[in-house]
C-alpha atoms as a PDB file:
ATOM      1  CA  UNK A   1     -27.754 -37.730 -33.782  1.00  0.00           C
ATOM      2  CA  UNK A   2     -27.750 -41.467 -33.038  1.00  0.00           C
ATOM      3  CA  UNK A   3     -29.665 -42.607 -29.946  1.00  0.00           C
ATOM      4  CA  UNK A   4     -27.506 -42.902 -26.866  1.00  0.00           C
ATOM      5  CA  UNK A   5     -24.824 -40.606 -28.220  1.00  0.00           C
ATOM      6  CA  UNK A   6     -23.970 -37.480 -26.273  1.00  0.00           C
ATOM      7  CA  UNK A   7     -23.660 -34.107 -27.978  1.00  0.00           C
ATOM      8  CA  UNK A   8     -20.057 -33.085 -28.460  1.00  0.00           C
ATOM      9  CA  UNK A   9     -20.646 -29.464 -29.432  1.00  0.00           C
ATOM     10  CA  UNK A  10     -18.465 -27.006 -27.491  1.00  0.00           C
ATOM     11  CA  UNK A  11     -19.677 -24.374 -25.090  1.00  0.00           C
ATOM     12  CA  UNK A  12     -20.244 -20.739 -25.997  1.00  0.00           C
ATOM     13  CA  UNK A  13     -18.401 -17.614 -24.874  1.00  0.00           C
ATOM     14  CA  UNK A  14     -20.329 -14.341 -25.135  1.00  0.00           C
ATOM     15  CA  UNK A  15     -18.424 -11.068 -25.166  1.00  0.00           C
ATOM     16  CA  UNK A  16     -21.127  -8.604 -24.129  1.00  0.00           C
ATOM     17  CA  UNK A  17     -20.969  -4.832 -24.357  1.00  0.00           C
ATOM     18  CA  UNK A  18     -21.948  -2.651 -21.418  1.00  0.00           C
ATOM     19  CA  UNK A  19     -22.618   1.078 -21.062  1.00  0.00           C
ATOM     20  CA  UNK A  20     -19.869   3.741 -20.978  1.00  0.00           C
ATOM     21  CA  UNK A  21     -21.555   6.200 -18.643  1.00  0.00           C
ATOM     22  CA  UNK A  22     -25.319   6.005 -19.047  1.00  0.00           C
ATOM     23  CA  UNK A  23     -26.945   2.922 -17.557  1.00  0.00           C
ATOM     24  CA  UNK A  24     -29.812   3.106 -20.052  1.00  0.00           C
ATOM     25  CA  UNK A  25     -27.397   2.350 -22.885  1.00  0.00           C
ATOM     26  CA  UNK A  26     -26.804  -1.251 -21.817  1.00  0.00           C
ATOM     27  CA  UNK A  27     -27.822  -3.489 -24.741  1.00  0.00           C
ATOM     28  CA  UNK A  28     -31.013  -5.437 -24.069  1.00  0.00           C
ATOM     29  CA  UNK A  29     -29.269  -8.588 -25.276  1.00  0.00           C
ATOM     30  CA  UNK A  30     -26.596  -8.150 -22.594  1.00  0.00           C
ATOM     31  CA  UNK A  31     -29.261  -8.078 -19.892  1.00  0.00           C
ATOM     32  CA  UNK A  32     -30.918 -11.162 -21.406  1.00  0.00           C
ATOM     33  CA  UNK A  33     -27.706 -13.201 -21.608  1.00  0.00           C
ATOM     34  CA  UNK A  34     -26.925 -12.326 -17.971  1.00  0.00           C
ATOM     35  CA  UNK A  35     -30.245 -13.944 -17.084  1.00  0.00           C
ATOM     36  CA  UNK A  36     -29.602 -17.095 -19.112  1.00  0.00           C
ATOM     37  CA  UNK A  37     -25.868 -17.856 -19.067  1.00  0.00           C
ATOM     38  CA  UNK A  38     -24.421 -20.672 -16.970  1.00  0.00           C
ATOM     39  CA  UNK A  39     -21.358 -18.713 -15.866  1.00  0.00           C
ATOM     40  CA  UNK A  40     -21.062 -14.948 -15.384  1.00  0.00           C
ATOM     41  CA  UNK A  41     -17.659 -13.256 -15.497  1.00  0.00           C
ATOM     42  CA  UNK A  42     -17.006  -9.546 -14.956  1.00  0.00           C
ATOM     43  CA  UNK A  43     -13.956  -7.321 -14.918  1.00  0.00           C
ATOM     44  CA  UNK A  44     -14.920  -5.404 -11.786  1.00  0.00           C
ATOM     45  CA  UNK A  45     -17.235  -6.121  -8.848  1.00  0.00           C
ATOM     46  CA  UNK A  46     -18.949  -2.733  -8.570  1.00  0.00           C
ATOM     47  CA  UNK A  47     -19.916  -2.775 -12.226  1.00  0.00           C
ATOM     48  CA  UNK A  48     -21.051  -6.389 -11.892  1.00  0.00           C
ATOM     49  CA  UNK A  49     -23.441  -5.541  -9.075  1.00  0.00           C
ATOM     50  CA  UNK A  50     -24.834  -2.623 -11.076  1.00  0.00           C
ATOM     51  CA  UNK A  51     -25.509  -4.703 -14.179  1.00  0.00           C
ATOM     52  CA  UNK A  52     -26.940  -7.667 -12.309  1.00  0.00           C
ATOM     53  CA  UNK A  53     -29.350  -5.370 -10.491  1.00  0.00           C
ATOM     54  CA  UNK A  54     -30.396  -3.892 -13.837  1.00  0.00           C
ATOM     55  CA  UNK A  55     -30.944  -7.398 -15.222  1.00  0.00           C
ATOM     56  CA  UNK A  56     -32.858  -8.539 -12.141  1.00  0.00           C
ATOM     57  CA  UNK A  57     -30.301 -11.285 -11.496  1.00  0.00           C
ATOM     58  CA  UNK A  58     -29.150 -12.456  -8.066  1.00  0.00           C
ATOM     59  CA  UNK A  59     -26.396 -14.998  -8.691  1.00  0.00           C
ATOM     60  CA  UNK A  60     -22.732 -15.558  -7.898  1.00  0.00           C
ATOM     61  CA  UNK A  61     -20.203 -14.350 -10.460  1.00  0.00           C
ATOM     62  CA  UNK A  62     -16.474 -14.479 -11.102  1.00  0.00           C
ATOM     63  CA  UNK A  63     -13.969 -11.700 -11.754  1.00  0.00           C
ATOM     64  CA  UNK A  64     -11.419 -11.560 -14.528  1.00  0.00           C
ATOM     65  CA  UNK A  65      -9.240  -8.459 -14.868  1.00  0.00           C
ATOM     66  CA  UNK A  66      -5.824  -7.490 -16.160  1.00  0.00           C
ATOM     67  CA  UNK A  67      -4.412  -9.237 -13.094  1.00  0.00           C
ATOM     68  CA  UNK A  68      -5.502 -12.552 -14.614  1.00  0.00           C
ATOM     69  CA  UNK A  69      -7.609 -14.343 -12.035  1.00  0.00           C
ATOM     70  CA  UNK A  70      -6.306 -17.902 -12.402  1.00  0.00           C
ATOM     71  CA  UNK A  71      -9.381 -19.429 -10.736  1.00  0.00           C
ATOM     72  CA  UNK A  72     -11.674 -17.667 -13.204  1.00  0.00           C
ATOM     73  CA  UNK A  73      -9.685 -18.991 -16.165  1.00  0.00           C
ATOM     74  CA  UNK A  74     -10.038 -22.536 -14.868  1.00  0.00           C
ATOM     75  CA  UNK A  75     -13.762 -22.070 -14.261  1.00  0.00           C
ATOM     76  CA  UNK A  76     -14.294 -20.774 -17.813  1.00  0.00           C
ATOM     77  CA  UNK A  77     -12.269 -23.647 -19.226  1.00  0.00           C
ATOM     78  CA  UNK A  78     -14.377 -26.163 -17.303  1.00  0.00           C
ATOM     79  CA  UNK A  79     -17.653 -24.517 -18.315  1.00  0.00           C
ATOM     80  CA  UNK A  80     -16.763 -24.481 -22.011  1.00  0.00           C
ATOM     81  CA  UNK A  81     -15.635 -28.103 -21.818  1.00  0.00           C
ATOM     82  CA  UNK A  82     -19.028 -28.993 -20.326  1.00  0.00           C
ATOM     83  CA  UNK A  83     -20.782 -27.200 -23.215  1.00  0.00           C
ATOM     84  CA  UNK A  84     -22.049 -24.397 -21.003  1.00  0.00           C
ATOM     85  CA  UNK A  85     -22.625 -20.745 -21.854  1.00  0.00           C
ATOM     86  CA  UNK A  86     -20.196 -18.181 -20.432  1.00  0.00           C
ATOM     87  CA  UNK A  87     -20.635 -14.412 -20.625  1.00  0.00           C
ATOM     88  CA  UNK A  88     -17.877 -11.864 -20.034  1.00  0.00           C
ATOM     89  CA  UNK A  89     -18.569  -8.163 -19.451  1.00  0.00           C
ATOM     90  CA  UNK A  90     -15.755  -5.643 -18.963  1.00  0.00           C
ATOM     91  CA  UNK A  91     -15.939  -2.503 -16.847  1.00  0.00           C
ATOM     92  CA  UNK A  92     -17.206  -0.277 -19.666  1.00  0.00           C
ATOM     93  CA  UNK A  93     -17.964  -0.554 -23.354  1.00  0.00           C
ATOM     94  CA  UNK A  94     -16.786  -3.548 -25.382  1.00  0.00           C
ATOM     95  CA  UNK A  95     -14.362  -6.134 -23.956  1.00  0.00           C
ATOM     96  CA  UNK A  96     -10.913  -6.597 -25.466  1.00  0.00           C
ATOM     97  CA  UNK A  97     -10.629  -3.198 -27.234  1.00  0.00           C
ATOM     98  CA  UNK A  98      -8.831  -1.458 -24.396  1.00  0.00           C
ATOM     99  CA  UNK A  99     -10.025  -3.787 -21.645  1.00  0.00           C
ATOM    100  CA  UNK A 100      -9.141  -7.304 -20.476  1.00  0.00           C
ATOM    101  CA  UNK A 101     -10.547 -10.309 -22.290  1.00  0.00           C
ATOM    102  CA  UNK A 102      -7.971 -11.490 -24.806  1.00  0.00           C
ATOM    103  CA  UNK A 103      -6.925 -14.475 -22.701  1.00  0.00           C
ATOM    104  CA  UNK A 104     -10.539 -15.635 -22.459  1.00  0.00           C
ATOM    105  CA  UNK A 105     -10.864 -15.394 -26.235  1.00  0.00           C
ATOM    106  CA  UNK A 106      -7.660 -17.368 -26.752  1.00  0.00           C
ATOM    107  CA  UNK A 107      -9.011 -20.049 -24.444  1.00  0.00           C
ATOM    108  CA  UNK A 108     -12.335 -20.204 -26.298  1.00  0.00           C
ATOM    109  CA  UNK A 109     -10.681 -20.572 -29.707  1.00  0.00           C
ATOM    110  CA  UNK A 110      -8.269 -23.192 -28.384  1.00  0.00           C
ATOM    111  CA  UNK A 111     -11.239 -25.173 -27.071  1.00  0.00           C
ATOM    112  CA  UNK A 112     -13.075 -24.679 -30.380  1.00  0.00           C
ATOM    113  CA  UNK A 113     -15.926 -23.119 -28.437  1.00  0.00           C
ATOM    114  CA  UNK A 114     -18.437 -20.891 -30.145  1.00  0.00           C
ATOM    115  CA  UNK A 115     -17.711 -17.173 -29.761  1.00  0.00           C
ATOM    116  CA  UNK A 116     -20.535 -14.657 -29.888  1.00  0.00           C
ATOM    117  CA  UNK A 117     -20.460 -10.872 -29.510  1.00  0.00           C
ATOM    118  CA  UNK A 118     -23.181  -8.553 -28.284  1.00  0.00           C
ATOM    119  CA  UNK A 119     -22.189  -5.199 -29.799  1.00  0.00           C
ATOM    120  CA  UNK A 120     -22.875  -1.948 -28.077  1.00  0.00           C
ATOM    121  CA  UNK A 121     -21.411   1.283 -26.715  1.00  0.00           C
ATOM    122  CA  UNK A 122     -17.731   2.042 -27.268  1.00  0.00           C
ATOM    123  CA  UNK A 123     -15.927   5.165 -26.111  1.00  0.00           C
ATOM    124  CA  UNK A 124     -13.662   4.940 -29.148  1.00  0.00           C
ATOM    125  CA  UNK A 125     -16.346   4.920 -31.838  1.00  0.00           C
ATOM    126  CA  UNK A 126     -18.497   7.368 -29.854  1.00  0.00           C
ATOM    127  CA  UNK A 127     -15.652   9.899 -29.691  1.00  0.00           C
ATOM    128  CA  UNK A 128     -14.947   9.469 -33.398  1.00  0.00           C
ATOM    129  CA  UNK A 129     -18.642   9.973 -34.177  1.00  0.00           C
ATOM    130  CA  UNK A 130     -18.661  13.505 -32.732  1.00  0.00           C
ATOM    131  CA  UNK A 131     -15.130  14.507 -33.725  1.00  0.00           C
ATOM    132  CA  UNK A 132     -14.985  17.280 -36.372  1.00  0.00           C
ATOM    133  CA  UNK A 133     -11.640  16.093 -37.764  1.00  0.00           C
ATOM    134  CA  UNK A 134     -11.327  13.982 -40.896  1.00  0.00           C
ATOM    135  CA  UNK A 135     -11.400  10.533 -39.270  1.00  0.00           C
ATOM    136  CA  UNK A 136     -12.046   8.423 -42.355  1.00  0.00           C
ATOM    137  CA  UNK A 137      -8.607   7.056 -41.608  1.00  0.00           C
ATOM    138  CA  UNK A 138      -7.275   6.871 -38.060  1.00  0.00           C
ATOM    139  CA  UNK A 139      -4.794   4.940 -35.968  1.00  0.00           C
ATOM    140  CA  UNK A 140      -5.866   3.567 -32.609  1.00  0.00           C
ATOM    141  CA  UNK A 141      -2.837   3.891 -30.328  1.00  0.00           C
ATOM    142  CA  UNK A 142      -4.703   2.880 -27.166  1.00  0.00           C
ATOM    143  CA  UNK A 143      -2.914   3.372 -23.862  1.00  0.00           C
ATOM    144  CA  UNK A 144       0.596   4.789 -24.171  1.00  0.00           C
ATOM    145  CA  UNK A 145       3.468   3.758 -21.853  1.00  0.00           C
ATOM    146  CA  UNK A 146       3.221   5.090 -18.316  1.00  0.00           C
ATOM    147  CA  UNK A 147       6.879   6.118 -18.103  1.00  0.00           C
ATOM    148  CA  UNK A 148       7.329   9.717 -19.369  1.00  0.00           C
ATOM    149  CA  UNK A 149      10.394   8.957 -21.519  1.00  0.00           C
ATOM    150  CA  UNK A 150       8.759   5.958 -23.170  1.00  0.00           C
ATOM    151  CA  UNK A 151       5.512   7.870 -23.648  1.00  0.00           C
ATOM    152  CA  UNK A 152       7.305  10.712 -25.411  1.00  0.00           C
ATOM    153  CA  UNK A 153       9.245   8.259 -27.575  1.00  0.00           C
ATOM    154  CA  UNK A 154       5.979   6.610 -28.608  1.00  0.00           C
ATOM    155  CA  UNK A 155       4.413   9.986 -29.392  1.00  0.00           C
ATOM    156  CA  UNK A 156       7.380  10.895 -31.592  1.00  0.00           C
ATOM    157  CA  UNK A 157       6.812   7.728 -33.621  1.00  0.00           C
ATOM    158  CA  UNK A 158       3.088   8.417 -33.814  1.00  0.00           C
ATOM    159  CA  UNK A 159       3.787  11.956 -35.023  1.00  0.00           C
ATOM    160  CA  UNK A 160       5.153  10.474 -38.250  1.00  0.00           C
ATOM    161  CA  UNK A 161       1.694   9.144 -39.119  1.00  0.00           C
ATOM    162  CA  UNK A 162      -0.382  11.620 -41.171  1.00  0.00           C
ATOM    163  CA  UNK A 163      -3.819  10.324 -40.108  1.00  0.00           C
ATOM    164  CA  UNK A 164      -5.835  11.090 -36.973  1.00  0.00           C
ATOM    165  CA  UNK A 165      -4.592   9.384 -33.800  1.00  0.00           C
ATOM    166  CA  UNK A 166      -6.808   7.991 -31.036  1.00  0.00           C
ATOM    167  CA  UNK A 167      -5.267   7.765 -27.558  1.00  0.00           C
ATOM    168  CA  UNK A 168      -6.586   6.565 -24.199  1.00  0.00           C
ATOM    169  CA  UNK A 169      -5.171   7.040 -20.729  1.00  0.00           C
ATOM    170  CA  UNK A 170      -6.222   7.209 -17.106  1.00  0.00           C
ATOM    171  CA  UNK A 171      -7.652  10.512 -15.769  1.00  0.00           C
ATOM    172  CA  UNK A 172      -4.723  11.123 -13.407  1.00  0.00           C
ATOM    173  CA  UNK A 173      -2.255  11.068 -16.332  1.00  0.00           C
ATOM    174  CA  UNK A 174      -4.364  13.329 -18.555  1.00  0.00           C
ATOM    175  CA  UNK A 175      -2.441  16.573 -17.976  1.00  0.00           C
ATOM    176  CA  UNK A 176       0.965  14.917 -18.337  1.00  0.00           C
ATOM    177  CA  UNK A 177      -0.190  13.320 -21.593  1.00  0.00           C
ATOM    178  CA  UNK A 178      -1.472  16.637 -22.937  1.00  0.00           C
ATOM    179  CA  UNK A 179       1.807  18.332 -22.019  1.00  0.00           C
ATOM    180  CA  UNK A 180       3.791  15.747 -23.980  1.00  0.00           C
ATOM    181  CA  UNK A 181       1.382  15.887 -26.915  1.00  0.00           C
ATOM    182  CA  UNK A 182       1.671  19.676 -26.960  1.00  0.00           C
ATOM    183  CA  UNK A 183       5.455  19.497 -27.112  1.00  0.00           C
ATOM    184  CA  UNK A 184       5.583  16.916 -29.893  1.00  0.00           C
ATOM    185  CA  UNK A 185       2.471  17.529 -31.994  1.00  0.00           C
ATOM    186  CA  UNK A 186       2.003  21.315 -31.858  1.00  0.00           C
ATOM    187  CA  UNK A 187       4.983  22.066 -34.170  1.00  0.00           C
ATOM    188  CA  UNK A 188       3.156  20.039 -36.856  1.00  0.00           C
ATOM    189  CA  UNK A 189       0.157  22.363 -36.658  1.00  0.00           C
ATOM    190  CA  UNK A 190      -2.066  19.611 -35.313  1.00  0.00           C
ATOM    191  CA  UNK A 191      -5.093  20.247 -33.118  1.00  0.00           C
ATOM    192  CA  UNK A 192      -6.745  18.096 -30.511  1.00  0.00           C
ATOM    193  CA  UNK A 193     -10.199  16.860 -29.559  1.00  0.00           C
ATOM    194  CA  UNK A 194     -10.896  15.726 -26.005  1.00  0.00           C
ATOM    195  CA  UNK A 195     -14.041  13.670 -25.400  1.00  0.00           C
ATOM    196  CA  UNK A 196     -14.759  13.630 -21.654  1.00  0.00           C
ATOM    197  CA  UNK A 197     -17.121  11.311 -19.754  1.00  0.00           C
ATOM    198  CA  UNK A 198     -19.007  10.293 -22.903  1.00  0.00           C
ATOM    199  CA  UNK A 199     -22.737   9.818 -22.138  1.00  0.00           C
ATOM    200  CA  UNK A 200     -22.075  10.498 -18.439  1.00  0.00           C
ATOM    201  CA  UNK A 201     -23.154  13.371 -16.209  1.00  0.00           C
ATOM    202  CA  UNK A 202     -19.996  15.386 -16.944  1.00  0.00           C
ATOM    203  CA  UNK A 203     -20.074  14.769 -20.706  1.00  0.00           C
ATOM    204  CA  UNK A 204     -18.295  17.478 -22.679  1.00  0.00           C
ATOM    205  CA  UNK A 205     -16.097  17.916 -25.740  1.00  0.00           C
ATOM    206  CA  UNK A 206     -13.107  20.211 -25.987  1.00  0.00           C
ATOM    207  CA  UNK A 207     -11.573  21.262 -29.288  1.00  0.00           C
ATOM    208  CA  UNK A 208      -8.552  23.386 -30.081  1.00  0.00           C
ATOM    209  CA  UNK A 209      -4.789  23.715 -29.872  1.00  0.00           C
ATOM    210  CA  UNK A 210      -3.009  21.572 -27.321  1.00  0.00           C
ATOM    211  CA  UNK A 211      -2.106  24.492 -25.020  1.00  0.00           C
ATOM    212  CA  UNK A 212      -5.808  25.415 -25.088  1.00  0.00           C
ATOM    213  CA  UNK A 213      -6.903  21.844 -24.331  1.00  0.00           C
ATOM    214  CA  UNK A 214      -4.458  21.566 -21.453  1.00  0.00           C
ATOM    215  CA  UNK A 215      -5.704  24.846 -19.989  1.00  0.00           C
ATOM    216  CA  UNK A 216      -9.391  23.959 -20.410  1.00  0.00           C
ATOM    217  CA  UNK A 217      -8.953  20.513 -18.885  1.00  0.00           C
ATOM    218  CA  UNK A 218      -7.159  21.633 -15.719  1.00  0.00           C
ATOM    219  CA  UNK A 219     -10.455  21.956 -13.860  1.00  0.00           C
ATOM    220  CA  UNK A 220     -11.779  18.563 -14.945  1.00  0.00           C
ATOM    221  CA  UNK A 221     -12.242  15.821 -12.389  1.00  0.00           C
ATOM    222  CA  UNK A 222     -11.435  12.133 -12.677  1.00  0.00           C
ATOM    223  CA  UNK A 223     -13.658  11.507 -15.678  1.00  0.00           C
ATOM    224  CA  UNK A 224     -12.587   9.049 -18.381  1.00  0.00           C
ATOM    225  CA  UNK A 225     -11.568  10.584 -21.678  1.00  0.00           C
ATOM    226  CA  UNK A 226     -10.585   9.872 -25.268  1.00  0.00           C
ATOM    227  CA  UNK A 227      -7.995  12.082 -26.954  1.00  0.00           C
ATOM    228  CA  UNK A 228      -8.060  12.416 -30.745  1.00  0.00           C
ATOM    229  CA  UNK A 229      -5.121  14.117 -32.394  1.00  0.00           C
ATOM    230  CA  UNK A 230      -6.091  15.663 -35.718  1.00  0.00           C
ATOM    231  CA  UNK A 231      -4.420  14.682 -39.013  1.00  0.00           C
ATOM    232  CA  UNK A 232      -1.081  16.230 -39.802  1.00  0.00           C
ATOM    233  CA  UNK A 233      -1.380  19.360 -41.921  1.00  0.00           C
END
């Protein structure tokens, strides 16, 4: 670089994985980048406090969730323009898979900033790892529509796919989801696998027909879950 010239390299956006239930699973690199980054952005405040305590960091941070915090977007834009390092950590697992973060990525690529990922725990890959179905091919359906009619319509379309299906939803819609899956998928002879609170205190895995899964899961609490629908027979 010529003397007197300022560096024009862009800033860096880190997408850092967190734990999905067990605090000890936080990647060491995530803790290190929280100590070094210029700007810290989290999806949720409670999780932010937990991670910062684990990293030994006492600093202000911003929030960016599905509600799109406009002030946080502007702060990230400014930081990247000033060639600073920004780190984003979602509530659990890896950002952007089934969590917020896409808008931050779009901003980073538009600004030609460097994008770095710190890989780590993911409820999706963890559930697949312990699922006894043939999951060499699978379709990640993510969160289905909240409205019952739209959810059932989506499930009918998914039922046409012969491979395993991976579905997420909130704990309070679990039983309604299983009821709809039972109605639509059971006639195809499919079975289900329910991964509950992966790596957490209530971790357990349920396997069987959909009526069986619905019955077994009635006593479950508000734990997060991943539902895998087996391949069509």
